[in-house]
Amino acid sequence: VTMPTAIGAIRAMSDLGIRPGDDLAVCVINGEGMADLLVPSVTALEQPDLQTFLKYSLQWMLSGNTVWQGPLLLQPGDASVVVRDSTRKVIAR
């Protein structure tokens, strides 16, 4: 789910006596820089480093060329999943 959805789900689970990470796993597609700040901390697919892609694009924009020379799809080859408290105990079972 998204981070706002995860925050709402964790709150709703807590209100119902469900323990996120113990009774039910919660995982997000993007930690948005705050996945490790929540209680429990949330397992997340972290944002990859986009510096290379931005550099490549900015160089083209600043070059004055009107025709793009390169692939039309720029994307990272992988993304890391950081396992945190919201899935550890559920996965271990």
Protein backbone atom coordinates (compact mmCIF):
# COMPACT_ATOMS: atom_id res chain seq x y z
CA VAL A 1 0.00 0.00 0.00
CA THR A 2 1.02 3.67 0.02
CA MET A 3 2.42 5.29 3.17
CA PRO A 4 -0.77 7.28 3.98
CA THR A 5 -2.82 4.08 3.62
CA ALA A 6 -0.39 2.18 5.85
CA ILE A 7 -0.58 4.86 8.53
CA GLY A 8 -4.39 4.67 8.48
CA ALA A 9 -4.36 0.87 8.49
CA ILE A 10 -1.95 0.72 11.44
CA ARG A 11 -4.15 3.15 13.36
CA ALA A 12 -7.30 1.17 12.57
CA MET A 13 -5.62 -2.11 13.54
CA SER A 14 -4.44 -0.61 16.82
CA ASP A 15 -7.97 0.64 17.56
CA LEU A 16 -9.29 -2.91 17.01
CA GLY A 17 -6.61 -4.59 19.11
CA ILE A 18 -4.77 -6.02 16.10
CA ARG A 19 -1.02 -5.77 16.49
CA PRO A 20 0.63 -4.62 13.25
CA GLY A 21 3.71 -6.71 12.64
CA ASP A 22 2.59 -9.42 15.10
CA ASP A 23 -0.90 -10.31 13.88
CA LEU A 24 -0.84 -8.79 10.41
CA ALA A 25 1.97 -7.61 8.12
CA VAL A 26 2.06 -4.10 6.69
CA CYS A 27 4.33 -3.16 3.79
CA VAL A 28 4.51 -0.02 1.66
CA ILE A 29 5.66 0.71 -1.88
CA ASN A 30 7.61 3.83 -0.85
CA GLY A 31 8.84 4.60 2.66
CA GLU A 32 8.70 8.35 1.91
CA GLY A 33 11.54 8.91 4.35
CA MET A 34 9.40 8.13 7.38
CA ALA A 35 8.90 4.35 7.39
CA ASP A 36 11.47 3.93 10.14
CA LEU A 37 9.90 6.68 12.27
CA LEU A 38 6.52 5.00 12.80
CA VAL A 39 5.67 2.57 15.59
CA PRO A 40 5.95 -0.12 14.47
CA SER A 41 8.47 0.81 11.81
CA VAL A 42 7.12 -0.13 8.38
CA THR A 43 8.71 -2.49 5.85
CA ALA A 44 9.16 -0.55 2.63
CA LEU A 45 10.36 -0.66 -0.93
CA GLU A 46 12.74 2.29 -0.72
CA GLN A 47 13.16 5.05 -3.28
CA PRO A 48 16.25 4.35 -5.42
CA ASP A 49 18.93 6.98 -6.00
CA LEU A 50 17.73 9.01 -8.99
CA GLN A 51 20.79 11.26 -9.22
CA THR A 52 22.17 9.54 -12.34
CA PHE A 53 18.86 9.86 -14.20
CA LEU A 54 18.40 13.49 -13.23
CA LYS A 55 21.97 14.32 -14.24
CA TYR A 56 21.48 12.68 -17.67
CA SER A 57 18.22 14.58 -18.25
CA LEU A 58 19.55 17.93 -17.05
CA GLN A 59 22.62 17.66 -19.26
CA TRP A 60 20.35 17.20 -22.26
CA MET A 61 18.14 20.17 -21.29
CA LEU A 62 21.14 22.43 -20.82
CA SER A 63 22.81 21.29 -24.07
CA GLY A 64 20.33 23.13 -26.27
CA ASN A 65 19.55 20.01 -28.32
CA THR A 66 15.90 19.78 -29.30
CA VAL A 67 15.93 16.04 -30.05
CA TRP A 68 16.44 13.57 -27.22
CA GLN A 69 19.36 11.23 -27.86
CA GLY A 70 18.87 8.23 -25.64
CA PRO A 71 16.33 5.76 -24.29
CA LEU A 72 12.78 7.01 -23.78
CA LEU A 73 12.48 5.03 -20.56
CA LEU A 74 14.94 5.81 -17.79
CA GLN A 75 14.51 3.66 -14.73
CA PRO A 76 16.64 2.00 -12.06
CA GLY A 77 17.42 -1.67 -12.45
CA ASP A 78 16.42 -2.58 -8.92
CA ALA A 79 15.00 -1.27 -5.67
CA SER A 80 15.75 -2.42 -2.16
CA VAL A 81 13.21 -3.68 0.34
CA VAL A 82 13.99 -2.73 3.92
CA VAL A 83 12.38 -5.20 6.33
CA ARG A 84 11.25 -3.51 9.52
CA ASP A 85 9.01 -4.28 12.51
CA SER A 86 5.71 -4.26 10.58
CA THR A 87 6.53 -7.61 8.95
CA ARG A 88 9.34 -9.27 10.95
CA LYS A 89 7.31 -11.41 13.35
CA VAL A 90 4.62 -12.33 10.80
CA ILE A 91 7.25 -13.47 8.27
CA ALA A 92 9.15 -15.43 10.97
CA ARG A 93 6.08 -17.61 11.68
